[in-house]
C-alpha atoms as a PDB file:
ATOM      1  CA  MET A   1     130.816  45.522 113.929  1.00  0.00           C
ATOM      2  CA  VAL A   2     132.204  49.003 114.409  1.00  0.00           C
ATOM      3  CA  GLU A   3     132.103  51.651 117.117  1.00  0.00           C
ATOM      4  CA  VAL A   4     130.864  55.131 116.233  1.00  0.00           C
ATOM      5  CA  LYS A   5     132.221  58.292 117.838  1.00  0.00           C
ATOM      6  CA  LEU A   6     130.757  61.759 117.467  1.00  0.00           C
ATOM      7  CA  GLU A   7     132.854  64.565 118.900  1.00  0.00           C
ATOM      8  CA  ASN A   8     131.512  68.111 119.361  1.00  0.00           C
ATOM      9  CA  ILE A   9     129.125  67.964 116.411  1.00  0.00           C
ATOM     10  CA  VAL A  10     127.599  71.338 115.534  1.00  0.00           C
ATOM     11  CA  LYS A  11     124.974  71.762 112.827  1.00  0.00           C
ATOM     12  CA  THR A  12     123.038  74.890 111.880  1.00  0.00           C
ATOM     13  CA  PHE A  13     120.277  75.534 109.370  1.00  0.00           C
ATOM     14  CA  GLY A  14     120.289  79.262 108.732  1.00  0.00           C
ATOM     15  CA  GLU A  15     119.959  80.910 112.134  1.00  0.00           C
ATOM     16  CA  THR A  16     118.692  77.730 113.788  1.00  0.00           C
ATOM     17  CA  VAL A  17     121.258  75.708 115.735  1.00  0.00           C
ATOM     18  CA  ALA A  18     120.088  72.114 115.342  1.00  0.00           C
ATOM     19  CA  LEU A  19     123.010  70.466 117.179  1.00  0.00           C
ATOM     20  CA  LYS A  20     124.981  72.306 119.854  1.00  0.00           C
ATOM     21  CA  GLY A  21     128.274  70.440 120.056  1.00  0.00           C
ATOM     22  CA  ILE A  22     127.043  66.931 120.876  1.00  0.00           C
ATOM     23  CA  SER A  23     129.436  64.090 121.683  1.00  0.00           C
ATOM     24  CA  ILE A  24     128.332  60.432 121.692  1.00  0.00           C
ATOM     25  CA  HIS A  25     130.314  57.183 121.822  1.00  0.00           C
ATOM     26  CA  ILE A  26     128.436  54.148 120.502  1.00  0.00           C
ATOM     27  CA  GLU A  27     130.031  50.781 121.261  1.00  0.00           C
ATOM     28  CA  HIS A  28     130.471  48.187 118.536  1.00  0.00           C
ATOM     29  CA  GLY A  29     127.642  45.700 118.380  1.00  0.00           C
ATOM     30  CA  GLU A  30     125.178  47.637 120.531  1.00  0.00           C
ATOM     31  CA  LEU A  31     121.707  48.881 119.762  1.00  0.00           C
ATOM     32  CA  PHE A  32     121.894  52.556 120.622  1.00  0.00           C
ATOM     33  CA  THR A  33     118.829  54.800 120.572  1.00  0.00           C
ATOM     34  CA  LEU A  34     118.576  58.546 120.034  1.00  0.00           C
ATOM     35  CA  LEU A  35     115.429  59.503 121.936  1.00  0.00           C
ATOM     36  CA  GLY A  36     113.694  62.828 122.214  1.00  0.00           C
ATOM     37  CA  PRO A  37     110.739  64.994 121.210  1.00  0.00           C
ATOM     38  CA  SER A  38     110.222  66.387 117.712  1.00  0.00           C
ATOM     39  CA  GLY A  39     112.800  69.023 116.833  1.00  0.00           C
ATOM     40  CA  CYS A  40     115.407  67.884 119.369  1.00  0.00           C
ATOM     41  CA  GLY A  41     118.012  66.998 116.691  1.00  0.00           C
ATOM     42  CA  LYS A  42     117.883  63.211 116.703  1.00  0.00           C
ATOM     43  CA  SER A  43     117.087  62.742 112.972  1.00  0.00           C
ATOM     44  CA  THR A  44     119.657  65.401 112.058  1.00  0.00           C
ATOM     45  CA  THR A  45     122.232  63.430 114.057  1.00  0.00           C
ATOM     46  CA  LEU A  46     121.288  60.238 112.218  1.00  0.00           C
ATOM     47  CA  ARG A  47     121.549  61.925 108.793  1.00  0.00           C
ATOM     48  CA  ILE A  48     124.998  63.242 109.694  1.00  0.00           C
ATOM     49  CA  ILE A  49     126.115  59.751 110.727  1.00  0.00           C
ATOM     50  CA  ALA A  50     124.709  58.425 107.432  1.00  0.00           C
ATOM     51  CA  GLY A  51     126.568  61.034 105.381  1.00  0.00           C
ATOM     52  CA  LEU A  52     123.375  62.621 104.032  1.00  0.00           C
ATOM     53  CA  ASP A  53     124.252  65.872 105.834  1.00  0.00           C
ATOM     54  CA  TYR A  54     127.615  67.193 106.984  1.00  0.00           C
ATOM     55  CA  PRO A  55     128.324  68.961 110.291  1.00  0.00           C
ATOM     56  CA  ASP A  56     129.518  72.554 110.490  1.00  0.00           C
ATOM     57  CA  SER A  57     132.206  71.398 112.907  1.00  0.00           C
ATOM     58  CA  GLY A  58     133.203  68.335 114.885  1.00  0.00           C
ATOM     59  CA  THR A  59     134.291  64.860 113.817  1.00  0.00           C
ATOM     60  CA  ILE A  60     132.770  61.417 113.238  1.00  0.00           C
ATOM     61  CA  HIS A  61     134.754  58.183 113.449  1.00  0.00           C
ATOM     62  CA  PHE A  62     133.767  54.656 112.506  1.00  0.00           C
ATOM     63  CA  GLY A  63     136.331  52.698 114.466  1.00  0.00           C
ATOM     64  CA  ASP A  64     139.711  54.292 113.732  1.00  0.00           C
ATOM     65  CA  GLU A  65     138.564  55.830 110.444  1.00  0.00           C
ATOM     66  CA  GLU A  66     137.381  59.430 110.302  1.00  0.00           C
ATOM     67  CA  VAL A  67     134.304  59.631 108.061  1.00  0.00           C
ATOM     68  CA  THR A  68     133.122  63.175 108.831  1.00  0.00           C
ATOM     69  CA  TYR A  69     133.035  64.339 105.212  1.00  0.00           C
ATOM     70  CA  LEU A  70     133.049  61.027 103.379  1.00  0.00           C
ATOM     71  CA  PRO A  71     130.075  60.574 101.008  1.00  0.00           C
ATOM     72  CA  SER A  72     127.436  58.195 102.303  1.00  0.00           C
ATOM     73  CA  HIS A  73     128.249  55.347  99.889  1.00  0.00           C
ATOM     74  CA  GLN A  74     131.863  55.248 101.099  1.00  0.00           C
ATOM     75  CA  ARG A  75     131.346  55.065 104.860  1.00  0.00           C
ATOM     76  CA  GLY A  76     129.458  51.780 105.260  1.00  0.00           C
ATOM     77  CA  ALA A  77     126.360  53.086 107.039  1.00  0.00           C
ATOM     78  CA  VAL A  78     122.925  52.276 105.617  1.00  0.00           C
ATOM     79  CA  LEU A  79     119.809  54.218 106.585  1.00  0.00           C
ATOM     80  CA  VAL A  80     116.352  52.646 106.632  1.00  0.00           C
ATOM     81  CA  PHE A  81     113.870  55.455 106.113  1.00  0.00           C
ATOM     82  CA  GLN A  82     110.621  55.956 107.992  1.00  0.00           C
ATOM     83  CA  ASN A  83     108.539  55.381 104.835  1.00  0.00           C
ATOM     84  CA  TYR A  84     110.602  52.306 103.780  1.00  0.00           C
ATOM     85  CA  ALA A  85     111.344  53.813 100.285  1.00  0.00           C
ATOM     86  CA  LEU A  86     110.703  50.555  98.440  1.00  0.00           C
ATOM     87  CA  TRP A  87     110.486  50.530  94.638  1.00  0.00           C
ATOM     88  CA  PRO A  88     106.802  49.776  93.925  1.00  0.00           C
ATOM     89  CA  HIS A  89     107.499  48.381  90.417  1.00  0.00           C
ATOM     90  CA  MET A  90     110.105  45.909  91.710  1.00  0.00           C
ATOM     91  CA  THR A  91     109.528  42.548  93.383  1.00  0.00           C
ATOM     92  CA  VAL A  92     110.713  41.862  96.900  1.00  0.00           C
ATOM     93  CA  PHE A  93     113.722  40.042  95.444  1.00  0.00           C
ATOM     94  CA  ASP A  94     114.689  42.943  93.190  1.00  0.00           C
ATOM     95  CA  ASN A  95     114.190  45.525  95.955  1.00  0.00           C
ATOM     96  CA  ILE A  96     116.555  43.608  98.227  1.00  0.00           C
ATOM     97  CA  ALA A  97     119.034  42.949  95.410  1.00  0.00           C
ATOM     98  CA  TYR A  98     119.147  46.569  94.231  1.00  0.00           C
ATOM     99  CA  GLY A  99     122.238  47.629  96.182  1.00  0.00           C
ATOM    100  CA  LEU A 100     124.113  44.484  95.158  1.00  0.00           C
ATOM    101  CA  LYS A 101     123.334  45.077  91.483  1.00  0.00           C
ATOM    102  CA  ILE A 102     124.663  48.633  91.761  1.00  0.00           C
ATOM    103  CA  LYS A 103     127.912  47.127  93.081  1.00  0.00           C
ATOM    104  CA  LYS A 104     127.947  44.721  90.079  1.00  0.00           C
ATOM    105  CA  ILE A 105     127.997  41.608  92.279  1.00  0.00           C
ATOM    106  CA  PRO A 106     127.766  38.360  90.229  1.00  0.00           C
ATOM    107  CA  LYS A 107     124.220  37.014  89.812  1.00  0.00           C
ATOM    108  CA  ASP A 108     124.845  33.784  91.714  1.00  0.00           C
ATOM    109  CA  GLU A 109     126.261  35.743  94.632  1.00  0.00           C
ATOM    110  CA  ILE A 110     123.298  38.145  94.555  1.00  0.00           C
ATOM    111  CA  ARG A 111     120.834  35.262  94.719  1.00  0.00           C
ATOM    112  CA  ARG A 112     122.703  33.671  97.613  1.00  0.00           C
ATOM    113  CA  LYS A 113     122.824  36.937  99.575  1.00  0.00           C
ATOM    114  CA  VAL A 114     119.174  37.799  98.925  1.00  0.00           C
ATOM    115  CA  GLU A 115     118.068  34.328 100.024  1.00  0.00           C
ATOM    116  CA  TRP A 116     120.115  34.775 103.206  1.00  0.00           C
ATOM    117  CA  ALA A 117     118.477  38.179 103.842  1.00  0.00           C
ATOM    118  CA  LEU A 118     114.979  36.795 103.218  1.00  0.00           C
ATOM    119  CA  GLU A 119     115.642  33.983 105.674  1.00  0.00           C
ATOM    120  CA  LEU A 120     116.964  36.478 108.227  1.00  0.00           C
ATOM    121  CA  VAL A 121     113.827  38.649 108.128  1.00  0.00           C
ATOM    122  CA  ARG A 122     111.519  35.620 107.838  1.00  0.00           C
ATOM    123  CA  LEU A 123     110.168  36.440 104.370  1.00  0.00           C
ATOM    124  CA  LYS A 124     111.255  33.330 102.526  1.00  0.00           C
ATOM    125  CA  GLY A 125     108.644  32.627  99.818  1.00  0.00           C
ATOM    126  CA  PHE A 126     107.761  36.322  99.390  1.00  0.00           C
ATOM    127  CA  GLU A 127     110.485  37.118  96.831  1.00  0.00           C
ATOM    128  CA  ASP A 128     108.110  37.377  93.837  1.00  0.00           C
ATOM    129  CA  ARG A 129     105.588  39.668  95.507  1.00  0.00           C
ATOM    130  CA  TYR A 130     105.412  43.427  95.048  1.00  0.00           C
ATOM    131  CA  PRO A 131     105.404  45.970  97.911  1.00  0.00           C
ATOM    132  CA  THR A 132     101.695  46.710  97.428  1.00  0.00           C
ATOM    133  CA  GLN A 133     100.969  43.047  98.155  1.00  0.00           C
ATOM    134  CA  LEU A 134     102.669  43.233 101.557  1.00  0.00           C
ATOM    135  CA  SER A 135     101.536  44.421 104.971  1.00  0.00           C
ATOM    136  CA  GLY A 136     103.268  47.357 106.628  1.00  0.00           C
ATOM    137  CA  GLY A 137     105.321  45.027 108.805  1.00  0.00           C
ATOM    138  CA  GLN A 138     106.382  42.958 105.802  1.00  0.00           C
ATOM    139  CA  GLN A 139     107.419  46.095 103.911  1.00  0.00           C
ATOM    140  CA  GLN A 140     109.508  47.111 106.910  1.00  0.00           C
ATOM    141  CA  ARG A 141     111.230  43.706 106.857  1.00  0.00           C
ATOM    142  CA  VAL A 142     112.019  44.133 103.151  1.00  0.00           C
ATOM    143  CA  ALA A 143     113.557  47.548 103.842  1.00  0.00           C
ATOM    144  CA  ILE A 144     115.706  46.067 106.630  1.00  0.00           C
ATOM    145  CA  ALA A 145     116.736  43.121 104.433  1.00  0.00           C
ATOM    146  CA  ARG A 146     117.728  45.520 101.639  1.00  0.00           C
ATOM    147  CA  ALA A 147     119.903  47.434 104.098  1.00  0.00           C
ATOM    148  CA  LEU A 148     121.535  44.348 105.620  1.00  0.00           C
ATOM    149  CA  VAL A 149     122.229  42.472 102.388  1.00  0.00           C
ATOM    150  CA  VAL A 150     125.036  44.925 101.487  1.00  0.00           C
ATOM    151  CA  GLU A 151     126.719  44.086 104.824  1.00  0.00           C
ATOM    152  CA  PRO A 152     126.945  47.593 106.321  1.00  0.00           C
ATOM    153  CA  LYS A 153     129.205  48.487 109.199  1.00  0.00           C
ATOM    154  CA  VAL A 154     126.355  50.380 110.860  1.00  0.00           C
ATOM    155  CA  LEU A 155     122.579  50.066 110.429  1.00  0.00           C
ATOM    156  CA  LEU A 156     120.614  53.291 110.943  1.00  0.00           C
ATOM    157  CA  LEU A 157     116.866  53.193 111.641  1.00  0.00           C
ATOM    158  CA  ASP A 158     114.851  56.434 111.572  1.00  0.00           C
ATOM    159  CA  GLU A 159     111.489  56.063 113.378  1.00  0.00           C
ATOM    160  CA  PRO A 160     111.126  52.631 111.732  1.00  0.00           C
ATOM    161  CA  LEU A 161     107.882  51.655 113.467  1.00  0.00           C
ATOM    162  CA  SER A 162     105.940  54.926 113.330  1.00  0.00           C
ATOM    163  CA  ASN A 163     103.788  53.862 110.356  1.00  0.00           C
ATOM    164  CA  LEU A 164     102.669  50.586 111.944  1.00  0.00           C
ATOM    165  CA  ASP A 165      99.705  49.876 114.172  1.00  0.00           C
ATOM    166  CA  ALA A 166     100.238  49.074 117.859  1.00  0.00           C
ATOM    167  CA  LYS A 167     100.297  45.281 117.473  1.00  0.00           C
ATOM    168  CA  LEU A 168     102.734  45.368 114.543  1.00  0.00           C
ATOM    169  CA  ARG A 169     104.969  47.831 116.390  1.00  0.00           C
ATOM    170  CA  LEU A 170     105.375  45.332 119.221  1.00  0.00           C
ATOM    171  CA  GLU A 171     106.123  42.492 116.802  1.00  0.00           C
ATOM    172  CA  MET A 172     108.603  44.485 114.713  1.00  0.00           C
ATOM    173  CA  ARG A 173     110.571  45.889 117.616  1.00  0.00           C
ATOM    174  CA  SER A 174     111.118  42.323 118.826  1.00  0.00           C
ATOM    175  CA  GLU A 175     112.179  41.327 115.307  1.00  0.00           C
ATOM    176  CA  ILE A 176     114.628  44.222 115.028  1.00  0.00           C
ATOM    177  CA  ARG A 177     116.167  43.250 118.351  1.00  0.00           C
ATOM    178  CA  ARG A 178     116.395  39.597 117.294  1.00  0.00           C
ATOM    179  CA  ILE A 179     118.089  40.472 113.993  1.00  0.00           C
ATOM    180  CA  GLN A 180     120.520  42.866 115.689  1.00  0.00           C
ATOM    181  CA  ARG A 181     121.548  40.258 118.255  1.00  0.00           C
ATOM    182  CA  GLU A 182     121.818  37.511 115.652  1.00  0.00           C
ATOM    183  CA  LEU A 183     124.174  39.589 113.489  1.00  0.00           C
ATOM    184  CA  GLY A 184     125.937  41.489 116.271  1.00  0.00           C
ATOM    185  CA  ILE A 185     125.723  44.613 114.116  1.00  0.00           C
ATOM    186  CA  THR A 186     125.941  48.170 115.447  1.00  0.00           C
ATOM    187  CA  VAL A 187     122.470  49.714 115.190  1.00  0.00           C
ATOM    188  CA  ILE A 188     121.590  53.366 115.774  1.00  0.00           C
ATOM    189  CA  TYR A 189     117.873  53.785 116.268  1.00  0.00           C
ATOM    190  CA  VAL A 190     115.838  57.008 116.334  1.00  0.00           C
ATOM    191  CA  THR A 191     112.470  57.271 118.072  1.00  0.00           C
ATOM    192  CA  HIS A 192     110.335  59.672 120.092  1.00  0.00           C
ATOM    193  CA  ASP A 193     108.600  56.749 121.842  1.00  0.00           C
ATOM    194  CA  GLN A 194     109.971  56.241 125.359  1.00  0.00           C
ATOM    195  CA  GLU A 195     108.517  52.762 125.815  1.00  0.00           C
ATOM    196  CA  GLU A 196     109.951  51.617 122.486  1.00  0.00           C
ATOM    197  CA  ALA A 197     113.383  52.957 123.415  1.00  0.00           C
ATOM    198  CA  MET A 198     113.299  51.307 126.842  1.00  0.00           C
ATOM    199  CA  ALA A 199     112.297  47.932 125.402  1.00  0.00           C
ATOM    200  CA  ILE A 200     114.757  47.728 122.538  1.00  0.00           C
ATOM    201  CA  SER A 201     117.954  49.543 123.540  1.00  0.00           C
ATOM    202  CA  ASP A 202     121.264  48.626 125.092  1.00  0.00           C
ATOM    203  CA  ARG A 203     121.783  52.324 125.787  1.00  0.00           C
ATOM    204  CA  ILE A 204     119.839  55.522 125.160  1.00  0.00           C
ATOM    205  CA  ALA A 205     120.850  59.132 124.505  1.00  0.00           C
ATOM    206  CA  VAL A 206     118.044  61.461 125.577  1.00  0.00           C
ATOM    207  CA  MET A 207     118.181  64.593 123.404  1.00  0.00           C
ATOM    208  CA  ASN A 208     116.613  67.997 123.955  1.00  0.00           C
ATOM    209  CA  VAL A 209     116.901  71.144 121.777  1.00  0.00           C
ATOM    210  CA  GLY A 210     120.159  70.095 120.114  1.00  0.00           C
ATOM    211  CA  THR A 211     121.899  68.742 123.193  1.00  0.00           C
ATOM    212  CA  VAL A 212     122.383  65.340 124.811  1.00  0.00           C
ATOM    213  CA  GLU A 213     120.891  65.492 128.305  1.00  0.00           C
ATOM    214  CA  GLN A 214     121.911  61.991 129.413  1.00  0.00           C
ATOM    215  CA  VAL A 215     123.319  58.729 128.059  1.00  0.00           C
ATOM    216  CA  GLY A 216     122.754  55.457 129.865  1.00  0.00           C
ATOM    217  CA  THR A 217     121.057  52.092 129.967  1.00  0.00           C
ATOM    218  CA  PRO A 218     117.244  52.102 130.033  1.00  0.00           C
ATOM    219  CA  LYS A 219     117.385  51.315 133.763  1.00  0.00           C
ATOM    220  CA  GLU A 220     119.812  54.198 134.444  1.00  0.00           C
ATOM    221  CA  ILE A 221     117.776  56.660 132.392  1.00  0.00           C
ATOM    222  CA  TYR A 222     114.507  55.720 134.081  1.00  0.00           C
ATOM    223  CA  GLU A 223     115.627  55.226 137.677  1.00  0.00           C
ATOM    224  CA  THR A 224     118.417  57.821 138.000  1.00  0.00           C
ATOM    225  CA  PRO A 225     117.648  60.738 135.660  1.00  0.00           C
ATOM    226  CA  ARG A 226     120.218  63.503 135.826  1.00  0.00           C
ATOM    227  CA  THR A 227     117.990  66.377 134.750  1.00  0.00           C
ATOM    228  CA  GLU A 228     114.405  67.482 135.182  1.00  0.00           C
ATOM    229  CA  PHE A 229     113.820  67.103 131.438  1.00  0.00           C
ATOM    230  CA  VAL A 230     114.962  63.474 131.398  1.00  0.00           C
ATOM    231  CA  ALA A 231     112.851  62.685 134.459  1.00  0.00           C
ATOM    232  CA  SER A 232     109.700  64.229 132.999  1.00  0.00           C
ATOM    233  CA  PHE A 233     110.229  62.854 129.478  1.00  0.00           C
ATOM    234  CA  MET A 234     110.828  59.228 130.477  1.00  0.00           C
ATOM    235  CA  GLY A 235     107.316  58.029 131.163  1.00  0.00           C
ATOM    236  CA  LYS A 236     104.632  59.216 133.556  1.00  0.00           C
ATOM    237  CA  THR A 237     106.117  60.649 136.714  1.00  0.00           C
ATOM    238  CA  ASN A 238     105.546  63.181 139.478  1.00  0.00           C
ATOM    239  CA  VAL A 239     107.717  66.290 139.124  1.00  0.00           C
ATOM    240  CA  ILE A 240     107.097  68.660 142.029  1.00  0.00           C
ATOM    241  CA  PRO A 241     108.691  72.115 142.410  1.00  0.00           C
ATOM    242  CA  ALA A 242     110.205  72.524 145.861  1.00  0.00           C
ATOM    243  CA  LYS A 243     112.724  74.565 147.866  1.00  0.00           C
ATOM    244  CA  VAL A 244     115.733  73.423 149.883  1.00  0.00           C
ATOM    245  CA  VAL A 245     115.421  74.968 153.348  1.00  0.00           C
ATOM    246  CA  GLU A 246     118.059  73.045 155.328  1.00  0.00           C
ATOM    247  CA  ARG A 247     121.307  71.230 154.483  1.00  0.00           C
ATOM    248  CA  GLU A 248     123.467  68.804 156.412  1.00  0.00           C
ATOM    249  CA  GLY A 249     126.151  67.226 154.235  1.00  0.00           C
ATOM    250  CA  ASP A 250     124.423  65.572 151.307  1.00  0.00           C
ATOM    251  CA  LYS A 251     121.095  65.434 153.177  1.00  0.00           C
ATOM    252  CA  VAL A 252     118.541  68.198 152.765  1.00  0.00           C
ATOM    253  CA  THR A 253     115.128  69.237 153.960  1.00  0.00           C
ATOM    254  CA  VAL A 254     112.771  70.568 151.313  1.00  0.00           C
ATOM    255  CA  GLU A 255     109.404  72.273 151.350  1.00  0.00           C
ATOM    256  CA  PHE A 256     106.549  72.386 148.865  1.00  0.00           C
ATOM    257  CA  GLU A 257     103.055  73.697 149.530  1.00  0.00           C
ATOM    258  CA  SER A 258     102.716  73.249 153.328  1.00  0.00           C
ATOM    259  CA  PHE A 259     104.688  69.997 153.340  1.00  0.00           C
ATOM    260  CA  ARG A 260     108.190  69.512 154.702  1.00  0.00           C
ATOM    261  CA  LEU A 261     110.317  66.464 153.769  1.00  0.00           C
ATOM    262  CA  ASP A 262     113.618  65.779 155.518  1.00  0.00           C
ATOM    263  CA  GLY A 263     116.505  63.347 155.032  1.00  0.00           C
ATOM    264  CA  LEU A 264     116.556  63.550 151.223  1.00  0.00           C
ATOM    265  CA  THR A 265     119.804  63.123 149.286  1.00  0.00           C
ATOM    266  CA  TYR A 266     120.936  66.107 147.176  1.00  0.00           C
ATOM    267  CA  THR A 267     124.389  67.442 146.331  1.00  0.00           C
ATOM    268  CA  GLY A 268     123.429  70.279 143.985  1.00  0.00           C
ATOM    269  CA  GLU A 269     124.026  73.938 144.752  1.00  0.00           C
ATOM    270  CA  LYS A 270     120.672  75.404 143.729  1.00  0.00           C
ATOM    271  CA  ASP A 271     117.946  75.713 146.335  1.00  0.00           C
ATOM    272  CA  ASP A 272     115.197  75.775 143.693  1.00  0.00           C
ATOM    273  CA  VAL A 273     114.666  72.080 142.981  1.00  0.00           C
ATOM    274  CA  VAL A 274     112.165  69.529 141.771  1.00  0.00           C
ATOM    275  CA  LEU A 275     111.218  66.286 143.477  1.00  0.00           C
ATOM    276  CA  VAL A 276     110.946  63.372 141.054  1.00  0.00           C
ATOM    277  CA  ILE A 277     108.817  60.471 142.294  1.00  0.00           C
ATOM    278  CA  ARG A 278     107.776  57.590 140.072  1.00  0.00           C
ATOM    279  CA  PRO A 279     104.088  56.654 140.588  1.00  0.00           C
ATOM    280  CA  GLU A 280     104.891  52.986 141.195  1.00  0.00           C
ATOM    281  CA  ARG A 281     107.188  53.955 144.101  1.00  0.00           C
ATOM    282  CA  ILE A 282     104.340  55.493 146.096  1.00  0.00           C
ATOM    283  CA  ARG A 283     102.533  53.274 148.579  1.00  0.00           C
ATOM    284  CA  LEU A 284      99.118  53.609 150.157  1.00  0.00           C
ATOM    285  CA  LYS A 285     100.260  51.816 153.329  1.00  0.00           C
ATOM    286  CA  PRO A 286     103.176  52.764 155.624  1.00  0.00           C
ATOM    287  CA  GLU A 287     106.585  51.099 155.305  1.00  0.00           C
ATOM    288  CA  GLU A 288     110.049  51.657 156.818  1.00  0.00           C
ATOM    289  CA  ASN A 289     111.948  54.880 156.020  1.00  0.00           C
ATOM    290  CA  THR A 290     108.888  56.490 154.449  1.00  0.00           C
ATOM    291  CA  VAL A 291     107.659  60.042 154.572  1.00  0.00           C
ATOM    292  CA  SER A 292     103.907  60.585 154.493  1.00  0.00           C
ATOM    293  CA  LEU A 293     101.765  63.129 152.677  1.00  0.00           C
ATOM    294  CA  GLU A 294      98.142  63.641 153.657  1.00  0.00           C
ATOM    295  CA  GLY A 295      95.717  64.845 151.009  1.00  0.00           C
ATOM    296  CA  THR A 296      92.473  64.005 149.281  1.00  0.00           C
ATOM    297  CA  VAL A 297      91.596  61.713 146.391  1.00  0.00           C
ATOM    298  CA  ASP A 298      91.052  63.486 143.075  1.00  0.00           C
ATOM    299  CA  LEU A 299      90.600  60.470 140.772  1.00  0.00           C
ATOM    300  CA  VAL A 300      90.913  56.680 140.820  1.00  0.00           C
ATOM    301  CA  GLU A 301      91.660  55.132 137.428  1.00  0.00           C
ATOM    302  CA  TYR A 302      91.466  51.370 136.853  1.00  0.00           C
ATOM    303  CA  TYR A 303      93.700  49.977 134.075  1.00  0.00           C
ATOM    304  CA  GLY A 304      93.230  46.262 134.633  1.00  0.00           C
ATOM    305  CA  PHE A 305      96.698  45.200 135.712  1.00  0.00           C
ATOM    306  CA  PHE A 306      97.251  48.329 137.809  1.00  0.00           C
ATOM    307  CA  VAL A 307      95.292  51.119 139.481  1.00  0.00           C
ATOM    308  CA  GLU A 308      96.262  54.779 139.611  1.00  0.00           C
ATOM    309  CA  VAL A 309      95.198  57.000 142.482  1.00  0.00           C
ATOM    310  CA  ILE A 310      95.555  60.727 141.803  1.00  0.00           C
ATOM    311  CA  GLY A 311      95.800  62.676 145.024  1.00  0.00           C
ATOM    312  CA  LEU A 312      95.588  66.405 145.725  1.00  0.00           C
ATOM    313  CA  PHE A 313      98.078  67.836 148.191  1.00  0.00           C
ATOM    314  CA  GLY A 314      97.215  71.506 148.328  1.00  0.00           C
ATOM    315  CA  ASP A 315      97.354  72.504 144.656  1.00  0.00           C
ATOM    316  CA  THR A 316      99.828  69.716 143.833  1.00  0.00           C
ATOM    317  CA  ARG A 317      98.516  66.623 142.042  1.00  0.00           C
ATOM    318  CA  MET A 318     100.414  63.366 142.544  1.00  0.00           C
ATOM    319  CA  ILE A 319      99.899  59.952 140.985  1.00  0.00           C
ATOM    320  CA  ALA A 320     100.344  56.700 142.875  1.00  0.00           C
ATOM    321  CA  ARG A 321     100.283  53.435 140.931  1.00  0.00           C
ATOM    322  CA  THR A 322      99.585  50.062 142.509  1.00  0.00           C
ATOM    323  CA  ILE A 323      99.285  46.672 140.851  1.00  0.00           C
ATOM    324  CA  SER A 324      96.710  45.647 143.427  1.00  0.00           C
ATOM    325  CA  ASP A 325      93.263  47.206 143.447  1.00  0.00           C
ATOM    326  CA  ARG A 326      93.012  45.823 146.997  1.00  0.00           C
ATOM    327  CA  GLU A 327      95.592  48.357 148.124  1.00  0.00           C
ATOM    328  CA  ALA A 328      93.556  51.133 146.558  1.00  0.00           C
ATOM    329  CA  GLY A 329      90.554  49.679 148.348  1.00  0.00           C
ATOM    330  CA  ASN A 330      87.352  51.619 147.902  1.00  0.00           C
ATOM    331  CA  LEU A 331      88.968  55.025 147.578  1.00  0.00           C
ATOM    332  CA  LYS A 332      86.728  57.611 145.958  1.00  0.00           C
ATOM    333  CA  PRO A 333      87.124  61.282 145.003  1.00  0.00           C
ATOM    334  CA  THR A 334      87.184  63.783 147.905  1.00  0.00           C
ATOM    335  CA  GLN A 335      88.058  61.071 150.446  1.00  0.00           C
ATOM    336  CA  PRO A 336      91.203  61.574 152.571  1.00  0.00           C
ATOM    337  CA  VAL A 337      94.284  59.672 151.397  1.00  0.00           C
ATOM    338  CA  THR A 338      97.860  59.303 152.617  1.00  0.00           C
ATOM    339  CA  PHE A 339     100.752  58.660 150.235  1.00  0.00           C
ATOM    340  CA  TYR A 340     103.814  56.928 151.722  1.00  0.00           C
ATOM    341  CA  ILE A 341     107.140  57.360 149.917  1.00  0.00           C
ATOM    342  CA  ASN A 342     110.521  55.876 150.754  1.00  0.00           C
ATOM    343  CA  ARG A 343     113.089  58.667 151.047  1.00  0.00           C
ATOM    344  CA  ASP A 344     115.433  56.755 148.735  1.00  0.00           C
ATOM    345  CA  ASP A 345     112.757  56.882 146.014  1.00  0.00           C
ATOM    346  CA  ILE A 346     112.586  60.689 146.004  1.00  0.00           C
ATOM    347  CA  ILE A 347     115.067  62.130 143.502  1.00  0.00           C
ATOM    348  CA  VAL A 348     115.989  65.762 144.102  1.00  0.00           C
ATOM    349  CA  LEU A 349     117.190  67.646 140.998  1.00  0.00           C
ATOM    350  CA  PRO A 350     117.994  71.296 140.279  1.00  0.00           C
ATOM    351  CA  LYS A 351     115.075  73.180 138.757  1.00  0.00           C
ATOM    352  CA  GLN A 352     115.706  73.363 134.996  1.00  0.00           C
ATOM    353  CA  GLN A 353     114.655  75.959 132.433  1.00  0.00           C
ATOM    354  CA  LEU A 354     112.648  73.778 130.063  1.00  0.00           C
END
């Protein structure tokens, strides 16, 4: 296990600034995810940690050792590529053993280590098969076993589940988590899938156009986003432009459309704000400390284990999600509807240039 520290990493490609001085501290033994849309810099960050690219400035430490400009084979980080990169002419055994053979490990030791890796990824009995004889999930397990058998300090996974179907993605993310916990190894995981990141990570860094917008646990990222981008990127949510019209300490009154909401918490300086309200926090019946918004039903969507009611409040569309279709009742488009929202569930953030 090793901790990984990135300090003020800058990387450019021609005139494009891919990373704008990012700093991240990854604890030893945690599964840490770099999450963001395409082009945000997450894969570039992973390649720099792996030693496949070097930063223009900044430093990288594995524990107390600076590895910023060390070649990849000397720093103890192994990258599992998105396409697995298995040798098609080699058996499963030989694919996993490849890195050990390069290091000239004795044959008996190689066999022992490969058998351990096969057991770890639950592929015992598959050693004589070829990659073309394996499913996508099995090929992914071989790639992970090949990375782990050389006993890296850090395991790097770049969109490892993107080539799998939905069912296999669920299975493999559970397997990756199991393996990581069993070994206690530091894992840095790249994905653009918010649900995947939430399910698998100890902590997440949400990236956007070469910067780190927020680092935190899945719960922190989802429930207390620090920026409009993080709030809107992390799952379906209501993001409503509004204006602060009154202040009293850290409590404000805001307006949007013809609606006025008071008693909301906000300590920012800007009066141009957004209201972030998760759909599952909106109720269709009154409760204590709630504000109410009266509008009309636009759509009712039934998903089986929950129902979404999309309401129109002037020109503003808002989504309410309830796990009980009884609460939604017999609501139909154009009918009046009232959304009730606890003041503590309304996050007020400065309006951000996205």
